[in-house]
Structure formats: C-alpha cells, structure tokens
Amino acid sequence: MSNLHARDYQPDRRGTLDGIRVLDLSRLFAGNVLTQVLGDFGAEVIKIEPPEGDTLRAWKTEGIETHWKIYARNKKSLCLSLRDPRAIEIIRKLVPSAQILVESFRPGVLEKMGLSPDALLALNPSLVVVRISGWGQNGPYAQRPGFGTVIEGVSGFAAINGFADREPVLPPMYLADGVAGLYGASAAMIALREAEMRDRGQVIDLSLLDPLFAILGPQAANYRLTGKVKPRTGSRSTNSAPRNVYRCSDGHYVSLSGSIQKMTERLFRAIGRAELIDDPRFRTNSDRLRHAEELDAIIGAFIGQRTQQENVAFFEEAEVTIGPIYDTPQIMADPHVIAREVIADYPDPEMGQIPMHHVVPRLAQTPGSIRTPAPALGQHNRELLAEISISPAAYDELKLAGVICGG
C-alpha cells in the first residue's frame, strides 16, 4: 500500500469501553480475537503470558510474529509463570480491578490453579468470566483437545465444503476460532450489561463447536424435514441458482449470484438470452436448481469469452450481482478497499509498516481505534505490578525467582 494509506497509532484516543479492564489468560486465536475486539473499542486488555509467550507468537512468517502484531494490538503484556503459587496470587490481586476475565485452558485446569469461577467471583462478584474451550465445559468430549481443525470437521462444516467427487475441505484459515472469538466478544458485552445493571457477574461457557454450528444454517431442520444430507456442491448453492464461480478468459475468476427472480431475468437479458426466462428448465428457482449444470454451462461460456475486468464492468452496467475473485495483492490494491480503509499501514520496527485490518464494526459516534502496537513479552510488568503494591525490590526478587518473566 502507498504512503497515502499510512496511519499512526493513537495512544491518547479513548473508546466506549474505556475503564473496562480485561484479564486475558487465553492462548492462540479465539481468545485473542475476542479481546482484540474489546481492545479496539477502548478496553484495557492485559495479556497474561507464560514465560515462552502466548502461543500466537510462535506463528511466524519469515521469522516475524505477524499474527501477534495484528491480534495483540491495543493490549498490554504481563508475563508470569502460573505454575508458581506467587504468580497465582498476583492474578488474585488483579481480579478485583477487572470487569472481564478470559481463559482458554482445558476444562478443570482453572480450578486446579486455584482460580475457579467461584473463587474469582468471591474476589469480584460482578466479574464476567469467559471460558473458551473446544467442546464446552461439560459433555462427553469436554476433556478432549479441541483445536479448530477438529471442530470444523465435527460441526458439519467440512462435510458441506468442497466438491461432491472429492474429499471434504477444511477452511484454509481459523474459522472455528474466529467465529467463537466474535461470538465471545458479544457475549462478554451482554454479560457486562447484566453486571452493570445488577452488580452480578457470571460465567460464559464458550465452545468452538456451538458458534460454528450456529452459522451453518438450518442443517438439522432440513435433514429432519427431508431425510437428506446437504451435499457438497462446490461454489454452487443448494438454495438458489445461478450462483457459482466462473473462469474468465485471462485465467482469473468472478463470482456471480442471481438469488432473486428479477436478478436472474436481468442476467438472461444481459447475455442476450432473454428466451431463457420462459424456458421450463430455468423459469423458477426450483427449475434452475434442478438444471444448475446446464445453466452454469450457458453462463460460463459467456463469461469465458471476457477478462475478469471486462466481465465485472459488463455485468455491473447491467446491474447484475457480480464480483471478482481476488487474491491478496488485488485486495490491497482495490480502490474500494483503499477508500474504506479496510486495510491500513501502521508503523512497525521490523517491517517498517505492517498492513492490518481496521477496526470492525464501524460505529458512527464512538468509533474504535488502534492506539498501541502489540506489546513485547512482559512489556508492562512493572507498570501493572506497581498497581498492586509490588515494590521495586519485591519485583526484582520475583523476577530472579522466575515468577515474573520478560520485560
């Protein structure tokens, strides 16, 4: 991206969640997404990291912690060895000052640490405790490892993703974790509202499985109704036609949808095939679904004669819903992406500038902001521990003992 899209951190900005303190004991992706959203809107997020750092730091590209730099923005780092009872006591002293605590240990681990929900709520009765796990805090699978990869299979997502003549396809990104993180941010705000109204905290049982299944549509209802399992259909839809990805003459692709009747009729007229409107194969959506392969062949032949840019321009002129299939360089160069600041460059000591997604969602009156870069390991140790009256001498003693790390 050009320097026109360079932005700087805004450390003095305040957001709607200013004054909300979040203790984040989670690891990897879901918890970091959750607390990044809260941090973007002004919450003080304290990442409590083990001596080796949050696991997300290990996801490097060319030796650089790109995941950490993006999902740990607007956060502080406190590095403690939680195997030591003195570190647990530090957590206990921080709990009364927090409104939200997020953790992602295997169910039961928090209890073994002496930080059970009951113990936390005894220290702070209005605390919101978000417990992230693969399978949830109860049930037959609660103690199984619950990485998103497994959940994306068990949820039914992989079974409907891909093509019928090939194996199920897992998403090439952290779908289960990302969806859970976003659900978790909204759940934390709902629970925080209750805490503010009635001074009553509560525990949120956030599995990776439940949120991902929730966004897959009426799979169970449709099966109960028809007795049929939703098939893998590639980029086609089982709900409407036409809807697919089509190859252009330059080797690029476009995605096109005619999900309402008027749009499909407009499409047929645009490609010079108005007679298809009354063709028994394509007259209604149900007809088109039964003859989707024939329909795609007609549309694909038209699109295949033009470049991606020509197709987008042609169908946009005809007011037909179409879009290019972009790779990352195309996304970053797109004028709409640039104008909306979907991506912006922020200063970075290793990369010079690091492009990252801007704050989502966009609030008109109280927008979020990117105030600080991701912290170094233990960067805020002294600042945070001074709040709970740990003197410089005591700090040095704890550091020498390995209770406090980094910094």
Protein backbone atom coordinates (compact mmCIF):
# COMPACT_ATOMS: atom_id res chain seq x y z
CA MET A 1 0.00 0.00 0.00
CA SER A 2 1.19 3.53 -0.68
CA ASN A 3 2.06 6.11 1.96
CA LEU A 4 -1.35 7.68 1.33
CA HIS A 5 -2.74 4.84 3.46
CA ALA A 6 -0.20 5.00 6.27
CA ARG A 7 -1.70 5.58 9.68
CA ASP A 8 -0.17 6.12 13.10
CA TYR A 9 -1.17 4.76 16.47
CA GLN A 10 -3.41 7.00 18.56
CA PRO A 11 -2.38 6.39 22.18
CA ASP A 12 -4.50 9.24 23.53
CA ARG A 13 -7.78 8.08 21.97
CA ARG A 14 -10.48 6.76 24.26
CA GLY A 15 -13.27 4.39 23.31
CA THR A 16 -16.68 3.37 24.57
CA LEU A 17 -15.10 0.61 26.68
CA ASP A 18 -12.63 2.98 28.35
CA GLY A 19 -12.46 1.99 32.02
CA ILE A 20 -13.15 -1.70 31.31
CA ARG A 21 -10.23 -3.90 32.32
CA VAL A 22 -9.87 -7.35 30.75
CA LEU A 23 -7.54 -10.02 32.11
CA ASP A 24 -6.75 -12.29 29.18
CA LEU A 25 -5.28 -15.67 30.13
CA SER A 26 -6.26 -17.26 26.81
CA ARG A 27 -3.90 -18.70 24.22
CA LEU A 28 -3.90 -18.86 20.43
CA PHE A 29 -6.64 -17.43 18.28
CA ALA A 30 -10.20 -17.35 19.64
CA GLY A 31 -9.36 -15.51 22.85
CA ASN A 32 -7.06 -13.10 21.08
CA VAL A 33 -9.80 -12.24 18.57
CA LEU A 34 -12.27 -11.71 21.40
CA THR A 35 -10.01 -9.39 23.38
CA GLN A 36 -8.75 -7.60 20.26
CA VAL A 37 -12.32 -6.51 19.53
CA LEU A 38 -12.73 -5.26 23.10
CA GLY A 39 -9.35 -3.54 22.99
CA ASP A 40 -10.15 -1.79 19.71
CA PHE A 41 -13.09 -0.10 21.44
CA GLY A 42 -11.11 1.13 24.39
CA ALA A 43 -10.91 -1.71 26.91
CA GLU A 44 -7.62 -2.14 28.76
CA VAL A 45 -6.62 -5.66 27.79
CA ILE A 46 -3.90 -7.28 29.90
CA LYS A 47 -2.45 -10.35 28.24
CA ILE A 48 -1.13 -12.63 30.98
CA GLU A 49 1.50 -14.62 29.14
CA PRO A 50 3.61 -17.63 30.17
CA PRO A 51 7.43 -17.33 30.09
CA GLU A 52 7.54 -18.56 26.49
CA GLY A 53 4.84 -16.08 25.47
CA ASP A 54 1.36 -16.55 24.06
CA THR A 55 1.30 -19.43 21.59
CA LEU A 56 0.21 -16.99 18.90
CA ARG A 57 3.72 -15.51 18.99
CA ALA A 58 5.04 -18.78 17.55
CA TRP A 59 3.02 -18.37 14.33
CA LYS A 60 5.70 -16.55 12.37
CA THR A 61 6.21 -15.60 8.73
CA GLU A 62 9.82 -15.07 7.67
CA GLY A 63 10.66 -15.03 11.37
CA ILE A 64 8.23 -12.20 12.15
CA GLU A 65 5.26 -12.55 14.53
CA THR A 66 2.67 -11.20 12.08
CA HIS A 67 -0.28 -12.88 13.81
CA TRP A 68 0.73 -11.47 17.16
CA LYS A 69 1.34 -7.99 15.80
CA ILE A 70 -2.21 -7.80 14.46
CA TYR A 71 -4.27 -9.63 17.10
CA ALA A 72 -2.38 -8.29 20.12
CA ARG A 73 -2.70 -4.63 19.17
CA ASN A 74 -4.19 -2.41 21.87
CA LYS A 75 -3.02 -4.84 24.58
CA LYS A 76 -0.57 -4.88 27.47
CA SER A 77 1.67 -7.82 28.34
CA LEU A 78 2.21 -9.20 31.83
CA CYS A 79 4.45 -12.27 31.84
CA LEU A 80 4.05 -14.69 34.76
CA SER A 81 4.92 -18.30 35.45
CA LEU A 82 1.50 -19.53 36.50
CA ARG A 83 2.96 -22.78 37.86
CA ASP A 84 4.21 -20.76 40.82
CA PRO A 85 1.70 -20.02 43.61
CA ARG A 86 3.11 -16.49 43.86
CA ALA A 87 2.03 -15.81 40.27
CA ILE A 88 -1.47 -17.09 41.06
CA GLU A 89 -1.56 -14.70 44.00
CA ILE A 90 -0.71 -11.84 41.63
CA ILE A 91 -3.68 -12.83 39.45
CA ARG A 92 -5.90 -12.89 42.53
CA LYS A 93 -4.81 -9.37 43.41
CA LEU A 94 -5.61 -8.13 39.89
CA VAL A 95 -9.07 -9.71 39.71
CA PRO A 96 -10.88 -7.09 41.85
CA SER A 97 -9.82 -4.34 39.40
CA ALA A 98 -11.11 -6.22 36.32
CA GLN A 99 -14.55 -6.42 34.75
CA ILE A 100 -13.85 -9.37 32.41
CA LEU A 101 -11.54 -12.39 32.59
CA VAL A 102 -10.93 -14.61 29.56
CA GLU A 103 -9.30 -18.05 29.68
CA SER A 104 -8.90 -20.98 27.29
CA PHE A 105 -7.41 -23.76 29.40
CA ARG A 106 -8.79 -27.27 29.16
CA PRO A 107 -11.87 -27.59 31.42
CA GLY A 108 -10.80 -28.13 35.02
CA VAL A 109 -7.36 -26.51 34.72
CA LEU A 110 -8.51 -23.15 36.05
CA GLU A 111 -9.91 -24.94 39.10
CA LYS A 112 -6.60 -26.75 39.69
CA MET A 113 -4.83 -23.40 39.58
CA GLY A 114 -6.99 -22.16 42.44
CA LEU A 115 -8.84 -19.76 40.14
CA SER A 116 -12.20 -21.50 39.79
CA PRO A 117 -15.15 -19.32 38.76
CA ASP A 118 -16.45 -19.48 42.33
CA ALA A 119 -13.11 -18.28 43.66
CA LEU A 120 -12.94 -15.49 41.07
CA LEU A 121 -16.50 -14.34 41.78
CA ALA A 122 -15.77 -14.36 45.51
CA LEU A 123 -12.97 -11.87 44.81
CA ASN A 124 -15.13 -9.83 42.41
CA PRO A 125 -18.88 -10.63 42.44
CA SER A 126 -19.53 -8.61 39.25
CA LEU A 127 -16.77 -10.26 37.20
CA VAL A 128 -17.60 -11.69 33.77
CA VAL A 129 -15.63 -14.92 33.23
CA VAL A 130 -15.36 -16.16 29.63
CA ARG A 131 -14.23 -19.79 29.41
CA ILE A 132 -13.16 -20.81 25.89
CA SER A 133 -12.73 -24.48 25.02
CA GLY A 134 -13.13 -26.72 22.03
CA TRP A 135 -16.12 -28.70 23.26
CA GLY A 136 -17.51 -26.76 26.22
CA GLN A 137 -17.15 -27.14 29.98
CA ASN A 138 -19.31 -30.28 30.13
CA GLY A 139 -20.37 -33.21 27.99
CA PRO A 140 -18.62 -36.45 26.97
CA TYR A 141 -15.96 -34.63 24.89
CA ALA A 142 -15.14 -31.85 27.37
CA GLN A 143 -11.66 -33.21 28.13
CA ARG A 144 -10.70 -33.86 24.51
CA PRO A 145 -8.24 -31.49 22.83
CA GLY A 146 -10.38 -29.02 20.92
CA PHE A 147 -8.42 -27.31 18.17
CA GLY A 148 -10.48 -25.57 15.50
CA THR A 149 -9.41 -28.09 12.86
CA VAL A 150 -11.26 -30.88 14.67
CA ILE A 151 -14.27 -28.68 15.38
CA GLU A 152 -14.54 -27.67 11.71
CA GLY A 153 -14.97 -31.36 10.95
CA VAL A 154 -17.34 -32.32 13.76
CA SER A 155 -19.54 -29.23 13.32
CA GLY A 156 -20.56 -30.36 9.83
CA PHE A 157 -18.75 -27.51 8.09
CA ALA A 158 -16.18 -29.66 6.29
CA ALA A 159 -18.84 -32.14 5.16
CA ILE A 160 -20.63 -29.47 3.11
CA ASN A 161 -17.47 -27.67 1.92
CA GLY A 162 -15.83 -28.66 -1.34
CA PHE A 163 -16.91 -30.71 -4.35
CA ALA A 164 -19.04 -33.84 -4.38
CA ASP A 165 -16.42 -36.01 -6.08
CA ARG A 166 -13.62 -35.05 -3.70
CA GLU A 167 -12.83 -35.21 -0.01
CA PRO A 168 -14.40 -32.74 2.46
CA VAL A 169 -12.41 -29.50 2.69
CA LEU A 170 -11.32 -27.74 5.87
CA PRO A 171 -11.14 -23.94 5.74
CA PRO A 172 -7.66 -22.52 4.97
CA MET A 173 -7.91 -20.21 7.99
CA TYR A 174 -9.04 -20.24 11.61
CA LEU A 175 -12.78 -20.29 11.03
CA ALA A 176 -13.98 -22.00 14.21
CA ASP A 177 -11.71 -19.86 16.40
CA GLY A 178 -12.60 -16.64 14.62
CA VAL A 179 -16.35 -17.21 14.84
CA ALA A 180 -16.06 -18.16 18.52
CA GLY A 181 -13.99 -15.05 19.22
CA LEU A 182 -16.62 -12.79 17.67
CA TYR A 183 -19.48 -14.56 19.48
CA GLY A 184 -17.41 -14.30 22.66
CA ALA A 185 -16.97 -10.54 22.35
CA SER A 186 -20.73 -10.03 22.04
CA ALA A 187 -21.39 -12.48 24.89
CA ALA A 188 -18.96 -10.61 27.13
CA MET A 189 -20.77 -7.34 26.41
CA ILE A 190 -24.17 -8.91 27.13
CA ALA A 191 -22.89 -10.24 30.44
CA LEU A 192 -21.21 -6.93 31.24
CA ARG A 193 -24.55 -5.18 30.79
CA GLU A 194 -26.05 -7.52 33.38
CA ALA A 195 -23.13 -6.86 35.73
CA GLU A 196 -23.57 -3.12 35.40
CA MET A 197 -27.34 -3.25 35.93
CA ARG A 198 -27.47 -5.75 38.78
CA ASP A 199 -23.88 -5.94 40.07
CA ARG A 200 -23.93 -9.64 39.23
CA GLY A 201 -21.18 -11.39 37.34
CA GLN A 202 -21.46 -14.71 35.56
CA VAL A 203 -19.61 -17.41 33.64
CA ILE A 204 -19.78 -17.70 29.85
CA ASP A 205 -19.22 -21.24 28.55
CA LEU A 206 -17.90 -20.55 25.03
CA SER A 207 -17.05 -23.64 22.99
CA LEU A 208 -15.67 -23.53 19.45
CA LEU A 209 -18.33 -26.04 18.39
CA ASP A 210 -21.53 -24.16 19.27
CA PRO A 211 -20.87 -20.88 17.40
CA LEU A 212 -19.65 -22.57 14.21
CA PHE A 213 -22.67 -24.88 14.09
CA ALA A 214 -24.92 -21.87 14.72
CA ILE A 215 -23.86 -20.12 11.49
CA LEU A 216 -24.25 -23.14 9.21
CA GLY A 217 -27.95 -22.57 8.66
CA PRO A 218 -30.90 -24.92 9.24
CA GLN A 219 -28.91 -28.12 8.62
CA ALA A 220 -30.67 -30.15 11.30
CA ALA A 221 -34.13 -28.81 10.44
CA ASN A 222 -33.67 -29.54 6.75
CA TYR A 223 -32.48 -33.06 7.47
CA ARG A 224 -35.42 -33.71 9.78
CA LEU A 225 -37.77 -32.39 7.09
CA THR A 226 -36.31 -34.24 4.09
CA GLY A 227 -34.18 -37.07 5.42
CA LYS A 228 -31.45 -35.86 3.09
CA VAL A 229 -27.94 -34.71 3.97
CA LYS A 230 -26.81 -31.46 2.35
CA PRO A 231 -24.33 -32.41 -0.39
CA ARG A 232 -21.05 -30.75 -1.28
CA THR A 233 -21.75 -28.59 -4.30
CA GLY A 234 -18.52 -26.64 -4.76
CA SER A 235 -19.40 -22.98 -5.23
CA ARG A 236 -22.98 -23.71 -6.20
CA SER A 237 -25.79 -23.14 -3.72
CA THR A 238 -28.48 -25.61 -2.77
CA ASN A 239 -30.82 -22.66 -2.16
CA SER A 240 -30.63 -20.60 -5.34
CA ALA A 241 -29.34 -20.68 -8.91
CA PRO A 242 -27.42 -19.32 -10.66
CA ARG A 243 -24.71 -18.98 -8.05
CA ASN A 244 -21.15 -20.02 -8.82
CA VAL A 245 -17.58 -19.12 -9.61
CA TYR A 246 -16.79 -18.73 -13.32
CA ARG A 247 -13.45 -18.67 -15.12
CA CYS A 248 -12.63 -15.66 -17.30
CA SER A 249 -10.56 -15.55 -20.47
CA ASP A 250 -7.50 -14.21 -18.61
CA GLY A 251 -7.46 -17.09 -16.12
CA HIS A 252 -8.98 -15.04 -13.30
CA TYR A 253 -12.40 -15.77 -11.80
CA VAL A 254 -15.62 -13.98 -10.92
CA SER A 255 -18.43 -14.90 -8.53
CA LEU A 256 -21.99 -14.32 -9.71
CA SER A 257 -25.33 -14.66 -7.97
CA GLY A 258 -28.91 -14.50 -9.24
CA SER A 259 -30.53 -15.29 -5.93
CA ILE A 260 -33.76 -13.42 -6.66
CA GLN A 261 -36.00 -13.92 -9.70
CA LYS A 262 -35.63 -10.38 -11.08
CA MET A 263 -31.83 -10.63 -10.90
CA THR A 264 -31.82 -13.85 -12.91
CA GLU A 265 -34.13 -12.38 -15.52
CA ARG A 266 -31.86 -9.34 -15.75
CA LEU A 267 -28.89 -11.68 -16.21
CA PHE A 268 -30.58 -13.60 -19.05
CA ARG A 269 -31.39 -10.37 -20.88
CA ALA A 270 -27.84 -9.05 -20.37
CA ILE A 271 -26.22 -12.07 -22.01
CA GLY A 272 -28.66 -11.95 -24.91
CA ARG A 273 -30.65 -14.99 -23.83
CA ALA A 274 -34.00 -13.49 -22.85
CA GLU A 275 -35.75 -16.63 -24.09
CA LEU A 276 -34.35 -18.48 -21.06
CA ILE A 277 -36.76 -16.56 -18.82
CA ASP A 278 -39.61 -18.77 -20.05
CA ASP A 279 -37.53 -21.90 -20.62
CA PRO A 280 -39.07 -24.70 -18.49
CA ARG A 281 -35.60 -25.61 -17.23
CA PHE A 282 -34.91 -22.12 -15.86
CA ARG A 283 -38.31 -20.49 -15.31
CA THR A 284 -38.26 -20.67 -11.49
CA ASN A 285 -35.55 -21.02 -8.88
CA SER A 286 -36.56 -24.63 -8.29
CA ASP A 287 -36.29 -25.32 -12.01
CA ARG A 288 -32.85 -23.73 -12.13
CA LEU A 289 -31.60 -25.74 -9.16
CA ARG A 290 -32.59 -28.96 -10.95
CA HIS A 291 -30.73 -27.83 -14.08
CA ALA A 292 -27.84 -25.97 -12.45
CA GLU A 293 -25.18 -27.71 -14.54
CA GLU A 294 -26.83 -26.69 -17.83
CA LEU A 295 -27.34 -23.16 -16.54
CA ASP A 296 -23.72 -22.83 -15.45
CA ALA A 297 -22.56 -24.01 -18.87
CA ILE A 298 -24.52 -21.20 -20.57
CA ILE A 299 -23.32 -18.50 -18.18
CA GLY A 300 -19.78 -19.89 -18.07
CA ALA A 301 -19.49 -19.82 -21.85
CA PHE A 302 -20.42 -16.13 -21.91
CA ILE A 303 -18.08 -15.18 -19.09
CA GLY A 304 -15.26 -17.28 -20.52
CA GLN A 305 -15.03 -15.00 -23.56
CA ARG A 306 -14.14 -11.92 -21.48
CA THR A 307 -11.46 -10.95 -18.98
CA GLN A 308 -12.23 -10.54 -15.31
CA GLN A 309 -12.25 -6.77 -15.60
CA GLU A 310 -14.46 -6.85 -18.69
CA ASN A 311 -16.95 -9.19 -17.02
CA VAL A 312 -17.20 -7.07 -13.88
CA ALA A 313 -17.73 -3.91 -15.93
CA PHE A 314 -20.28 -5.57 -18.22
CA PHE A 315 -22.44 -7.11 -15.50
CA GLU A 316 -22.24 -4.09 -13.23
CA GLU A 317 -23.54 -1.99 -16.13
CA ALA A 318 -26.40 -4.49 -16.43
CA GLU A 319 -26.98 -4.31 -12.65
CA VAL A 320 -26.28 -7.99 -12.19
CA THR A 321 -24.64 -9.06 -8.94
CA ILE A 322 -21.04 -9.99 -9.72
CA GLY A 323 -17.64 -9.63 -8.12
CA PRO A 324 -14.06 -10.53 -8.91
CA ILE A 325 -12.33 -13.36 -7.05
CA TYR A 326 -9.34 -11.54 -5.59
CA ASP A 327 -6.00 -12.69 -4.33
CA THR A 328 -4.24 -10.68 -1.62
CA PRO A 329 -2.39 -8.22 -3.92
CA GLN A 330 -5.67 -7.44 -5.69
CA ILE A 331 -7.46 -6.88 -2.38
CA MET A 332 -4.77 -4.47 -1.22
CA ALA A 333 -4.90 -2.51 -4.50
CA ASP A 334 -8.70 -2.34 -4.79
CA PRO A 335 -9.97 1.28 -4.76
CA HIS A 336 -12.96 0.45 -2.55
CA VAL A 337 -10.77 -1.35 -0.01
CA ILE A 338 -8.44 1.65 -0.03
CA ALA A 339 -11.21 4.25 0.23
CA ARG A 340 -12.87 2.41 3.12
CA GLU A 341 -9.53 1.81 4.83
CA VAL A 342 -10.32 -1.87 5.16
CA ILE A 343 -6.54 -2.25 5.41
CA ALA A 344 -4.16 0.39 6.70
CA ASP A 345 -0.41 0.51 7.29
CA TYR A 346 0.85 1.05 10.83
CA PRO A 347 4.44 1.62 11.96
CA ASP A 348 6.42 -1.50 12.77
CA PRO A 349 10.07 -1.77 13.83
CA GLU A 350 10.72 -4.95 11.84
CA MET A 351 8.64 -4.36 8.70
CA GLY A 352 8.71 -0.58 8.55
CA GLN A 353 4.94 -0.65 8.15
CA ILE A 354 2.57 -3.53 8.76
CA PRO A 355 -0.79 -3.68 6.95
CA MET A 356 -3.63 -4.78 9.19
CA HIS A 357 -7.40 -4.82 9.16
CA HIS A 358 -9.04 -1.71 10.52
CA VAL A 359 -11.46 -1.65 13.43
CA VAL A 360 -14.64 -3.67 12.84
CA PRO A 361 -17.50 -2.84 13.20
CA ARG A 362 -17.67 0.86 12.30
CA LEU A 363 -19.56 2.97 14.85
CA ALA A 364 -20.59 6.45 13.76
CA GLN A 365 -20.47 8.21 17.13
CA THR A 366 -17.96 6.13 19.07
CA PRO A 367 -15.58 4.51 16.59
CA GLY A 368 -12.83 2.24 17.78
CA SER A 369 -9.16 2.96 17.25
CA ILE A 370 -5.76 1.31 17.04
CA ARG A 371 -3.94 3.02 19.88
CA THR A 372 -0.87 0.92 20.51
CA PRO A 373 1.10 -1.81 18.74
CA ALA A 374 1.28 -5.35 20.05
CA PRO A 375 3.43 -5.45 23.18
CA ALA A 376 6.79 -7.09 23.72
CA LEU A 377 6.76 -10.02 26.14
CA GLY A 378 6.29 -8.66 29.64
CA GLN A 379 6.49 -5.05 28.44
CA HIS A 380 4.04 -3.81 31.08
CA ASN A 381 5.20 -5.92 34.02
CA ARG A 382 6.41 -3.09 36.23
CA GLU A 383 3.52 -0.76 35.41
CA LEU A 384 0.85 -3.33 36.25
CA LEU A 385 2.50 -4.84 39.30
CA ALA A 386 3.13 -1.45 40.83
CA GLU A 387 -0.67 -1.10 40.98
CA ILE A 388 -0.90 -3.98 43.43
CA SER A 389 1.89 -2.56 45.59
CA ILE A 390 4.75 -4.78 44.48
CA SER A 391 7.80 -2.70 45.30
CA PRO A 392 10.87 -2.50 43.06
CA ALA A 393 12.76 -4.71 45.49
CA ALA A 394 9.95 -7.29 45.59
CA TYR A 395 9.69 -7.13 41.80
CA ASP A 396 13.41 -7.89 41.41
CA GLU A 397 13.11 -10.79 43.84
CA LEU A 398 10.15 -12.27 41.93
CA LYS A 399 11.97 -11.76 38.64
CA LEU A 400 15.06 -13.55 39.95
CA ALA A 401 12.86 -16.43 41.13
CA GLY A 402 11.29 -16.76 37.66
CA VAL A 403 7.80 -15.82 38.84
CA ILE A 404 7.88 -12.70 36.68
CA CYS A 405 9.35 -13.13 33.19
CA GLY A 406 10.13 -10.97 30.19
CA GLY A 407 10.10 -7.19 30.46
